[in-house]
Structures are given as C-alpha cells and as structure tokens.
Amino acid sequence: MVVNNEEDLAGVNIEEPIMAVDHATLEHADSFSYWRRNCPKCKVGELLVMREDVTYALSGADRCVLCGQRFVYNDIEDLRKKDGR
C-alpha cells in the first residue's frame, strides 16, 4: 500500500482479524512513554497499551490509534509485572 498521508490509513484495518504480537519486540514509538509502540501493521500509527476500566491493569488487547488494527499481547503477563500493579 502506498501511503500519501495519514488520512489514507485512518481506519483501514479496523475489520482485519486480531493479530498476536510480543510487545517486547515492537519498536518504541517515542521516548515519552515506555509502553507506546509503533504499529507493526501500518508502521505509522501507535499502540498506546490500554488499561482495564476497573483495575487499571494493562490490557492484553490493544488497537492502533490510526489504522484500527486490533492486537493481543502474547507477553501481557510480563508487561503487568513490569508495571507493578
């Protein structure tokens, strides 16, 4: 896919099957947040690592804020240990 701008990617993967990934292997999106990663599907959007509504524990499910691709983290238990909640 040739991307001319981010608008071309907005929501394009929202109906795609869920992808399983290891958070530890994903590229850091920036130095602002330890958790934030670049989307491995569209390469432009970001995964913010969502938290559960009631417990605020890191969620095993996530979605790219740009393309809408859904993910599950294979290493969620390791992430929760690092988070310390």
Protein backbone atom coordinates (compact mmCIF):
# COMPACT_ATOMS: atom_id res chain seq x y z
CA MET A 1 0.00 0.00 0.00
CA VAL A 2 1.33 3.43 -0.93
CA VAL A 3 0.56 5.99 1.74
CA ASN A 4 0.36 9.62 0.72
CA ASN A 5 -0.72 10.82 4.15
CA GLU A 6 -2.15 9.55 7.42
CA GLU A 7 -5.70 10.11 6.19
CA ASP A 8 -5.15 7.24 3.74
CA LEU A 9 -4.58 4.91 6.71
CA ALA A 10 -7.34 6.07 9.04
CA GLY A 11 -9.36 3.00 9.98
CA VAL A 12 -8.25 0.84 7.03
CA ASN A 13 -7.54 -2.20 9.22
CA ILE A 14 -10.49 -1.91 11.59
CA GLU A 15 -12.16 -5.08 10.26
CA GLU A 16 -8.97 -7.15 9.93
CA PRO A 17 -8.50 -10.22 12.15
CA ILE A 18 -6.81 -9.71 15.50
CA MET A 19 -3.02 -10.11 15.38
CA ALA A 20 -0.98 -11.62 18.22
CA VAL A 21 2.30 -9.81 18.94
CA ASP A 22 5.01 -9.62 21.58
CA HIS A 23 5.16 -6.10 22.98
CA ALA A 24 8.84 -6.57 23.80
CA THR A 25 9.72 -6.98 20.12
CA LEU A 26 7.87 -3.90 18.86
CA GLU A 27 9.66 -0.65 18.03
CA HIS A 28 9.37 2.19 20.58
CA ALA A 29 7.20 4.99 19.26
CA ASP A 30 8.94 7.71 21.25
CA SER A 31 10.90 8.36 24.40
CA PHE A 32 7.86 9.85 26.17
CA SER A 33 6.30 6.55 27.18
CA TYR A 34 7.83 3.17 27.92
CA TRP A 35 4.65 1.42 26.77
CA ARG A 36 3.93 3.23 23.49
CA ARG A 37 4.94 1.28 20.37
CA ASN A 38 4.75 1.77 16.61
CA CYS A 39 2.02 -0.21 14.91
CA PRO A 40 3.58 -3.24 13.21
CA LYS A 41 0.76 -3.31 10.65
CA CYS A 42 0.66 0.25 9.24
CA LYS A 43 4.08 1.41 10.56
CA VAL A 44 2.71 4.92 11.14
CA GLY A 45 0.14 4.63 13.92
CA GLU A 46 0.80 3.79 17.54
CA LEU A 47 -0.23 1.24 20.15
CA LEU A 48 -0.76 3.01 23.46
CA VAL A 49 -1.25 -0.12 25.61
CA MET A 50 -4.71 0.28 27.04
CA ARG A 51 -5.69 -0.33 30.66
CA GLU A 52 -8.65 -2.22 32.10
CA ASP A 53 -11.56 0.02 33.17
CA VAL A 54 -11.89 -1.04 36.80
CA THR A 55 -8.47 -2.32 37.84
CA TYR A 56 -6.30 -0.12 35.58
CA ALA A 57 -4.13 -3.17 34.92
CA LEU A 58 -2.53 -3.25 31.49
CA SER A 59 -4.94 -4.76 28.99
CA GLY A 60 -3.95 -7.74 26.88
CA ALA A 61 -5.86 -6.20 23.96
CA ASP A 62 -4.91 -3.09 22.03
CA ARG A 63 -5.73 -1.22 18.82
CA CYS A 64 -3.69 1.07 16.57
CA VAL A 65 -4.89 4.64 17.05
CA LEU A 66 -4.53 5.28 13.31
CA CYS A 67 -5.30 2.22 11.19
CA GLY A 68 -7.53 0.48 13.74
CA GLN A 69 -5.75 -2.89 13.62
CA ARG A 70 -6.53 -4.95 16.74
CA PHE A 71 -3.80 -6.76 18.67
CA VAL A 72 -3.38 -9.08 21.62
CA TYR A 73 -0.11 -9.20 23.52
CA ASN A 74 1.42 -12.66 23.94
CA ASP A 75 3.62 -11.27 26.72
CA ILE A 76 0.92 -9.43 28.72
CA GLU A 77 1.84 -11.14 32.00
CA ASP A 78 5.44 -9.90 31.67
CA LEU A 79 4.15 -6.39 30.94
CA ARG A 80 1.93 -6.43 34.02
CA LYS A 81 4.88 -7.48 36.20
CA LYS A 82 6.92 -4.56 34.87
CA ASP A 83 4.01 -2.22 35.54
CA GLY A 84 3.82 -3.34 39.16
CA ARG A 85 0.03 -3.09 39.51
